[in-house]
Amino acid sequence: MQGVGRPSQRAPDGVSLHYEQHRPEQTTLYCLVQQHAASFIAHTEANTGSELPRFITDEFDAFLECGILAHGILRLRCGECGHDRLLALSCKRRGFCPSCGARRMSQTAAHLVDHVIPHVPVRQWVLSLPIPLHVPPAAQPELVTPVLQVVQSVVARHLLRRAGLATDEDYGGAATLIQRFGSAANLMMQPQCPRCASD
């Protein structure tokens, strides 16, 4: 850990280690959410005539607290020199928090490459649900597992059939990653067709 007036430590490869506190409140995204989230929610609810699902408002609230010292800290202390460091808690959400999203992405990729995926051919499949089905799995997480089980089963049967194997002779492995929000936060901003709404 590097402190004021203390030389920085070095990693085994000789690279200097330096901790720099994440300051989300200085980013453009944080300022936009802080200034406009409440009016966005009110405007959306007024236009749709119903409240947004709780998980959407929770996502905004958690993002505004992520990385802010006032909303929770971990105090780290060096056992050798006694130097203290405060580490802000993170939201660990799967929505639009770029810090937590990037951390989860890099950690998951490293884990898959180092410990999960063997040295065999790997294929990537992308499932995009129709727009009317975007919100239910996000609002009801218990729906996600059955959907993924069906998808994995169909893909595995397809690959086994293409390989000339019977489904009872072998099996396939899969790692699934879920992306709920696009760059425009489009999970929470799906347009509703007036004709569908009237049916």
C-alpha atoms as a PDB file:
ATOM      1  CA  MET A   1       0.000   0.000   0.000  1.00  0.00           C
ATOM      2  CA  GLN A   2       1.316   3.438  -0.831  1.00  0.00           C
ATOM      3  CA  GLY A   3       0.982   6.227   1.673  1.00  0.00           C
ATOM      4  CA  VAL A   4       1.933   9.878   1.754  1.00  0.00           C
ATOM      5  CA  GLY A   5       5.683  10.182   2.056  1.00  0.00           C
ATOM      6  CA  ARG A   6       6.189   6.430   1.655  1.00  0.00           C
ATOM      7  CA  PRO A   7       7.836   4.819  -1.360  1.00  0.00           C
ATOM      8  CA  SER A   8       5.471   2.752  -3.474  1.00  0.00           C
ATOM      9  CA  GLN A   9       5.745  -1.013  -3.261  1.00  0.00           C
ATOM     10  CA  ARG A  10       6.436  -3.102  -6.331  1.00  0.00           C
ATOM     11  CA  ALA A  11       4.812  -6.156  -7.805  1.00  0.00           C
ATOM     12  CA  PRO A  12       6.909  -9.309  -8.408  1.00  0.00           C
ATOM     13  CA  ASP A  13       7.457  -8.205 -12.011  1.00  0.00           C
ATOM     14  CA  GLY A  14       8.908  -4.857 -10.840  1.00  0.00           C
ATOM     15  CA  VAL A  15       5.876  -2.741 -11.725  1.00  0.00           C
ATOM     16  CA  SER A  16       5.151  -0.009  -9.178  1.00  0.00           C
ATOM     17  CA  LEU A  17       1.907  -0.554  -7.249  1.00  0.00           C
ATOM     18  CA  HIS A  18      -0.279   2.471  -6.725  1.00  0.00           C
ATOM     19  CA  TYR A  19      -3.838   2.715  -5.433  1.00  0.00           C
ATOM     20  CA  GLU A  20      -6.004   5.515  -6.750  1.00  0.00           C
ATOM     21  CA  GLN A  21      -9.424   6.050  -5.232  1.00  0.00           C
ATOM     22  CA  HIS A  22     -12.352   5.680  -7.613  1.00  0.00           C
ATOM     23  CA  ARG A  23     -14.346   8.921  -7.709  1.00  0.00           C
ATOM     24  CA  PRO A  24     -17.635   8.179  -9.470  1.00  0.00           C
ATOM     25  CA  GLU A  25     -19.157  11.515  -8.419  1.00  0.00           C
ATOM     26  CA  GLN A  26     -16.780  13.227 -10.855  1.00  0.00           C
ATOM     27  CA  THR A  27     -17.984  11.271 -13.897  1.00  0.00           C
ATOM     28  CA  THR A  28     -20.490  12.560 -16.444  1.00  0.00           C
ATOM     29  CA  LEU A  29     -22.745   9.519 -16.020  1.00  0.00           C
ATOM     30  CA  TYR A  30     -22.982   9.997 -12.258  1.00  0.00           C
ATOM     31  CA  CYS A  31     -23.845  13.695 -12.633  1.00  0.00           C
ATOM     32  CA  LEU A  32     -26.531  12.925 -15.221  1.00  0.00           C
ATOM     33  CA  VAL A  33     -28.146  10.221 -13.082  1.00  0.00           C
ATOM     34  CA  GLN A  34     -27.942  12.364  -9.959  1.00  0.00           C
ATOM     35  CA  GLN A  35     -29.556  15.357 -11.671  1.00  0.00           C
ATOM     36  CA  HIS A  36     -32.144  13.644 -13.848  1.00  0.00           C
ATOM     37  CA  ALA A  37     -33.059  10.218 -12.398  1.00  0.00           C
ATOM     38  CA  ALA A  38     -35.957  11.521 -10.316  1.00  0.00           C
ATOM     39  CA  SER A  39     -37.462  13.520 -13.197  1.00  0.00           C
ATOM     40  CA  PHE A  40     -36.898  10.604 -15.594  1.00  0.00           C
ATOM     41  CA  ILE A  41     -38.748   8.226 -13.278  1.00  0.00           C
ATOM     42  CA  ALA A  42     -41.589  10.700 -12.723  1.00  0.00           C
ATOM     43  CA  HIS A  43     -41.879  11.419 -16.468  1.00  0.00           C
ATOM     44  CA  THR A  44     -41.871   7.726 -17.377  1.00  0.00           C
ATOM     45  CA  GLU A  45     -44.467   6.846 -14.766  1.00  0.00           C
ATOM     46  CA  ALA A  46     -46.677   9.747 -15.866  1.00  0.00           C
ATOM     47  CA  ASN A  47     -46.494   8.622 -19.501  1.00  0.00           C
ATOM     48  CA  THR A  48     -47.166   4.960 -18.769  1.00  0.00           C
ATOM     49  CA  GLY A  49     -49.704   5.520 -16.022  1.00  0.00           C
ATOM     50  CA  SER A  50     -47.991   3.030 -13.717  1.00  0.00           C
ATOM     51  CA  GLU A  51     -45.017   2.850 -11.386  1.00  0.00           C
ATOM     52  CA  LEU A  52     -41.716   1.536 -12.668  1.00  0.00           C
ATOM     53  CA  PRO A  53     -40.708  -1.850 -11.233  1.00  0.00           C
ATOM     54  CA  ARG A  54     -38.842  -1.568  -7.949  1.00  0.00           C
ATOM     55  CA  PHE A  55     -35.673  -3.127  -9.382  1.00  0.00           C
ATOM     56  CA  ILE A  56     -35.286  -0.153 -11.755  1.00  0.00           C
ATOM     57  CA  THR A  57     -35.461   2.519  -9.061  1.00  0.00           C
ATOM     58  CA  ASP A  58     -33.214   0.368  -6.853  1.00  0.00           C
ATOM     59  CA  GLU A  59     -30.654   0.283  -9.673  1.00  0.00           C
ATOM     60  CA  PHE A  60     -30.512   4.087  -9.775  1.00  0.00           C
ATOM     61  CA  ASP A  61     -30.262   4.367  -5.978  1.00  0.00           C
ATOM     62  CA  ALA A  62     -27.509   1.756  -5.738  1.00  0.00           C
ATOM     63  CA  PHE A  63     -25.524   3.389  -8.551  1.00  0.00           C
ATOM     64  CA  LEU A  64     -25.605   6.770  -6.784  1.00  0.00           C
ATOM     65  CA  GLU A  65     -24.166   5.163  -3.635  1.00  0.00           C
ATOM     66  CA  CYS A  66     -21.544   2.994  -5.371  1.00  0.00           C
ATOM     67  CA  GLY A  67     -18.000   4.088  -4.574  1.00  0.00           C
ATOM     68  CA  ILE A  68     -19.095   6.994  -2.360  1.00  0.00           C
ATOM     69  CA  LEU A  69     -17.314   6.977   0.996  1.00  0.00           C
ATOM     70  CA  ALA A  70     -20.353   8.391   2.814  1.00  0.00           C
ATOM     71  CA  HIS A  71     -22.386   5.283   1.940  1.00  0.00           C
ATOM     72  CA  GLY A  72     -20.069   2.664   3.394  1.00  0.00           C
ATOM     73  CA  ILE A  73     -16.364   2.034   3.705  1.00  0.00           C
ATOM     74  CA  LEU A  74     -13.852  -0.671   4.440  1.00  0.00           C
ATOM     75  CA  ARG A  75     -10.841   0.466   6.460  1.00  0.00           C
ATOM     76  CA  LEU A  76      -7.585  -1.214   5.438  1.00  0.00           C
ATOM     77  CA  ARG A  77      -4.511  -1.059   7.625  1.00  0.00           C
ATOM     78  CA  CYS A  78      -0.981  -2.130   6.754  1.00  0.00           C
ATOM     79  CA  GLY A  79       0.301  -4.555   9.386  1.00  0.00           C
ATOM     80  CA  GLU A  80       3.889  -3.455   8.811  1.00  0.00           C
ATOM     81  CA  CYS A  81       3.780   0.339   8.694  1.00  0.00           C
ATOM     82  CA  GLY A  82       0.343   1.024  10.197  1.00  0.00           C
ATOM     83  CA  HIS A  83      -0.791   3.145   7.261  1.00  0.00           C
ATOM     84  CA  ASP A  84      -4.597   3.347   6.796  1.00  0.00           C
ATOM     85  CA  ARG A  85      -6.592   3.369   3.590  1.00  0.00           C
ATOM     86  CA  LEU A  86     -10.352   3.816   3.193  1.00  0.00           C
ATOM     87  CA  LEU A  87     -12.039   1.773   0.475  1.00  0.00           C
ATOM     88  CA  ALA A  88     -15.585   2.715  -0.574  1.00  0.00           C
ATOM     89  CA  LEU A  89     -18.091  -0.121  -0.922  1.00  0.00           C
ATOM     90  CA  SER A  90     -19.423  -0.925  -4.389  1.00  0.00           C
ATOM     91  CA  CYS A  91     -22.984  -1.665  -5.475  1.00  0.00           C
ATOM     92  CA  LYS A  92     -22.105  -4.945  -7.294  1.00  0.00           C
ATOM     93  CA  ARG A  93     -25.182  -4.454  -9.466  1.00  0.00           C
ATOM     94  CA  ARG A  94     -25.690  -5.913 -12.935  1.00  0.00           C
ATOM     95  CA  GLY A  95     -27.331  -2.835 -14.429  1.00  0.00           C
ATOM     96  CA  PHE A  96     -25.518   0.174 -15.832  1.00  0.00           C
ATOM     97  CA  CYS A  97     -22.792   0.769 -13.229  1.00  0.00           C
ATOM     98  CA  PRO A  98     -19.659   0.823 -15.417  1.00  0.00           C
ATOM     99  CA  SER A  99     -17.253   0.203 -12.528  1.00  0.00           C
ATOM    100  CA  CYS A 100     -18.973  -2.916 -11.184  1.00  0.00           C
ATOM    101  CA  GLY A 101     -19.798  -4.117 -14.688  1.00  0.00           C
ATOM    102  CA  ALA A 102     -16.187  -3.872 -15.850  1.00  0.00           C
ATOM    103  CA  ARG A 103     -14.910  -5.562 -12.685  1.00  0.00           C
ATOM    104  CA  ARG A 104     -17.373  -8.445 -13.038  1.00  0.00           C
ATOM    105  CA  MET A 105     -16.554  -8.796 -16.731  1.00  0.00           C
ATOM    106  CA  SER A 106     -12.786  -9.001 -16.202  1.00  0.00           C
ATOM    107  CA  GLN A 107     -13.035 -11.308 -13.192  1.00  0.00           C
ATOM    108  CA  THR A 108     -15.446 -13.646 -14.977  1.00  0.00           C
ATOM    109  CA  ALA A 109     -13.326 -13.743 -18.133  1.00  0.00           C
ATOM    110  CA  ALA A 110     -10.158 -14.519 -16.156  1.00  0.00           C
ATOM    111  CA  HIS A 111     -11.917 -17.257 -14.179  1.00  0.00           C
ATOM    112  CA  LEU A 112     -13.355 -18.879 -17.300  1.00  0.00           C
ATOM    113  CA  VAL A 113     -10.046 -18.825 -19.158  1.00  0.00           C
ATOM    114  CA  ASP A 114      -7.919 -19.987 -16.212  1.00  0.00           C
ATOM    115  CA  HIS A 115     -10.204 -22.513 -14.513  1.00  0.00           C
ATOM    116  CA  VAL A 116     -13.284 -23.443 -16.547  1.00  0.00           C
ATOM    117  CA  ILE A 117     -12.920 -23.536 -20.311  1.00  0.00           C
ATOM    118  CA  PRO A 118     -10.661 -26.419 -21.394  1.00  0.00           C
ATOM    119  CA  HIS A 119      -8.427 -26.278 -24.446  1.00  0.00           C
ATOM    120  CA  VAL A 120     -11.184 -27.320 -26.842  1.00  0.00           C
ATOM    121  CA  PRO A 121     -13.178 -25.452 -29.494  1.00  0.00           C
ATOM    122  CA  VAL A 122     -15.691 -23.023 -28.009  1.00  0.00           C
ATOM    123  CA  ARG A 123     -18.742 -21.512 -29.676  1.00  0.00           C
ATOM    124  CA  GLN A 124     -20.646 -18.412 -28.643  1.00  0.00           C
ATOM    125  CA  TRP A 125     -24.421 -18.255 -28.889  1.00  0.00           C
ATOM    126  CA  VAL A 126     -26.448 -15.095 -28.295  1.00  0.00           C
ATOM    127  CA  LEU A 127     -30.107 -15.203 -27.311  1.00  0.00           C
ATOM    128  CA  SER A 128     -32.076 -11.983 -27.727  1.00  0.00           C
ATOM    129  CA  LEU A 129     -35.567 -12.091 -26.298  1.00  0.00           C
ATOM    130  CA  PRO A 130     -38.396 -10.282 -28.082  1.00  0.00           C
ATOM    131  CA  ILE A 131     -39.059  -6.820 -26.667  1.00  0.00           C
ATOM    132  CA  PRO A 132     -42.232  -7.812 -24.735  1.00  0.00           C
ATOM    133  CA  LEU A 133     -40.177 -10.469 -22.898  1.00  0.00           C
ATOM    134  CA  HIS A 134     -37.308  -8.217 -21.795  1.00  0.00           C
ATOM    135  CA  VAL A 135     -38.777  -7.047 -18.502  1.00  0.00           C
ATOM    136  CA  PRO A 136     -40.361 -10.212 -16.953  1.00  0.00           C
ATOM    137  CA  PRO A 137     -37.048 -12.095 -16.385  1.00  0.00           C
ATOM    138  CA  ALA A 138     -35.483  -8.939 -14.903  1.00  0.00           C
ATOM    139  CA  ALA A 139     -38.451  -8.296 -12.623  1.00  0.00           C
ATOM    140  CA  GLN A 140     -38.804 -11.995 -11.689  1.00  0.00           C
ATOM    141  CA  PRO A 141     -35.297 -13.525 -11.402  1.00  0.00           C
ATOM    142  CA  GLU A 142     -36.756 -16.976 -10.767  1.00  0.00           C
ATOM    143  CA  LEU A 143     -37.702 -17.084 -14.468  1.00  0.00           C
ATOM    144  CA  VAL A 144     -34.090 -16.809 -15.636  1.00  0.00           C
ATOM    145  CA  THR A 145     -32.901 -20.299 -14.684  1.00  0.00           C
ATOM    146  CA  PRO A 146     -35.687 -22.227 -16.500  1.00  0.00           C
ATOM    147  CA  VAL A 147     -35.168 -20.115 -19.639  1.00  0.00           C
ATOM    148  CA  LEU A 148     -31.411 -20.726 -19.601  1.00  0.00           C
ATOM    149  CA  GLN A 149     -31.938 -24.450 -19.030  1.00  0.00           C
ATOM    150  CA  VAL A 150     -34.154 -24.690 -22.109  1.00  0.00           C
ATOM    151  CA  VAL A 151     -31.701 -22.695 -24.245  1.00  0.00           C
ATOM    152  CA  GLN A 152     -28.697 -24.734 -23.090  1.00  0.00           C
ATOM    153  CA  SER A 153     -30.561 -27.993 -23.705  1.00  0.00           C
ATOM    154  CA  VAL A 154     -31.539 -27.003 -27.250  1.00  0.00           C
ATOM    155  CA  VAL A 155     -28.023 -25.801 -28.134  1.00  0.00           C
ATOM    156  CA  ALA A 156     -26.402 -28.931 -26.644  1.00  0.00           C
ATOM    157  CA  ARG A 157     -28.723 -31.246 -28.592  1.00  0.00           C
ATOM    158  CA  HIS A 158     -27.984 -29.328 -31.794  1.00  0.00           C
ATOM    159  CA  LEU A 159     -24.207 -29.587 -31.316  1.00  0.00           C
ATOM    160  CA  LEU A 160     -24.335 -33.281 -30.403  1.00  0.00           C
ATOM    161  CA  ARG A 161     -26.473 -33.999 -33.453  1.00  0.00           C
ATOM    162  CA  ARG A 162     -24.040 -32.098 -35.702  1.00  0.00           C
ATOM    163  CA  ALA A 163     -21.173 -34.109 -34.186  1.00  0.00           C
ATOM    164  CA  GLY A 164     -22.983 -37.369 -34.928  1.00  0.00           C
ATOM    165  CA  LEU A 165     -23.459 -38.250 -31.268  1.00  0.00           C
ATOM    166  CA  ALA A 166     -26.599 -39.371 -29.479  1.00  0.00           C
ATOM    167  CA  THR A 167     -27.759 -37.186 -26.630  1.00  0.00           C
ATOM    168  CA  ASP A 168     -27.245 -40.070 -24.191  1.00  0.00           C
ATOM    169  CA  GLU A 169     -23.632 -40.590 -25.320  1.00  0.00           C
ATOM    170  CA  ASP A 170     -22.172 -37.243 -24.398  1.00  0.00           C
ATOM    171  CA  TYR A 171     -23.049 -33.812 -23.070  1.00  0.00           C
ATOM    172  CA  GLY A 172     -21.996 -30.225 -23.543  1.00  0.00           C
ATOM    173  CA  GLY A 173     -20.922 -27.581 -21.072  1.00  0.00           C
ATOM    174  CA  ALA A 174     -22.044 -23.976 -21.052  1.00  0.00           C
ATOM    175  CA  ALA A 175     -21.316 -20.698 -19.296  1.00  0.00           C
ATOM    176  CA  THR A 176     -24.129 -18.153 -19.525  1.00  0.00           C
ATOM    177  CA  LEU A 177     -23.755 -14.394 -19.143  1.00  0.00           C
ATOM    178  CA  ILE A 178     -26.773 -12.118 -18.894  1.00  0.00           C
ATOM    179  CA  GLN A 179     -26.811  -8.544 -20.176  1.00  0.00           C
ATOM    180  CA  ARG A 180     -29.846  -6.641 -18.960  1.00  0.00           C
ATOM    181  CA  PHE A 181     -29.131  -3.074 -20.055  1.00  0.00           C
ATOM    182  CA  GLY A 182     -28.004  -1.660 -23.373  1.00  0.00           C
ATOM    183  CA  SER A 183     -26.041   1.558 -23.773  1.00  0.00           C
ATOM    184  CA  ALA A 184     -29.325   3.497 -23.785  1.00  0.00           C
ATOM    185  CA  ALA A 185     -30.681   1.791 -20.626  1.00  0.00           C
ATOM    186  CA  ASN A 186     -33.197   0.252 -22.988  1.00  0.00           C
ATOM    187  CA  LEU A 187     -34.475  -2.401 -20.595  1.00  0.00           C
ATOM    188  CA  MET A 188     -36.376   0.274 -18.717  1.00  0.00           C
ATOM    189  CA  MET A 189     -37.367   2.321 -21.758  1.00  0.00           C
ATOM    190  CA  GLN A 190     -39.096  -0.222 -23.986  1.00  0.00           C
ATOM    191  CA  PRO A 191     -41.742   1.472 -26.157  1.00  0.00           C
ATOM    192  CA  GLN A 192     -45.226   0.129 -25.750  1.00  0.00           C
ATOM    193  CA  CYS A 193     -47.359  -0.315 -28.812  1.00  0.00           C
ATOM    194  CA  PRO A 194     -50.756   1.415 -28.304  1.00  0.00           C
ATOM    195  CA  ARG A 195     -52.517  -1.418 -30.143  1.00  0.00           C
ATOM    196  CA  CYS A 196     -50.918  -4.049 -27.870  1.00  0.00           C
ATOM    197  CA  ALA A 197     -51.779  -2.019 -24.780  1.00  0.00           C
ATOM    198  CA  SER A 198     -55.432  -1.906 -25.773  1.00  0.00           C
ATOM    199  CA  ASP A 199     -55.715  -5.673 -26.409  1.00  0.00           C
END
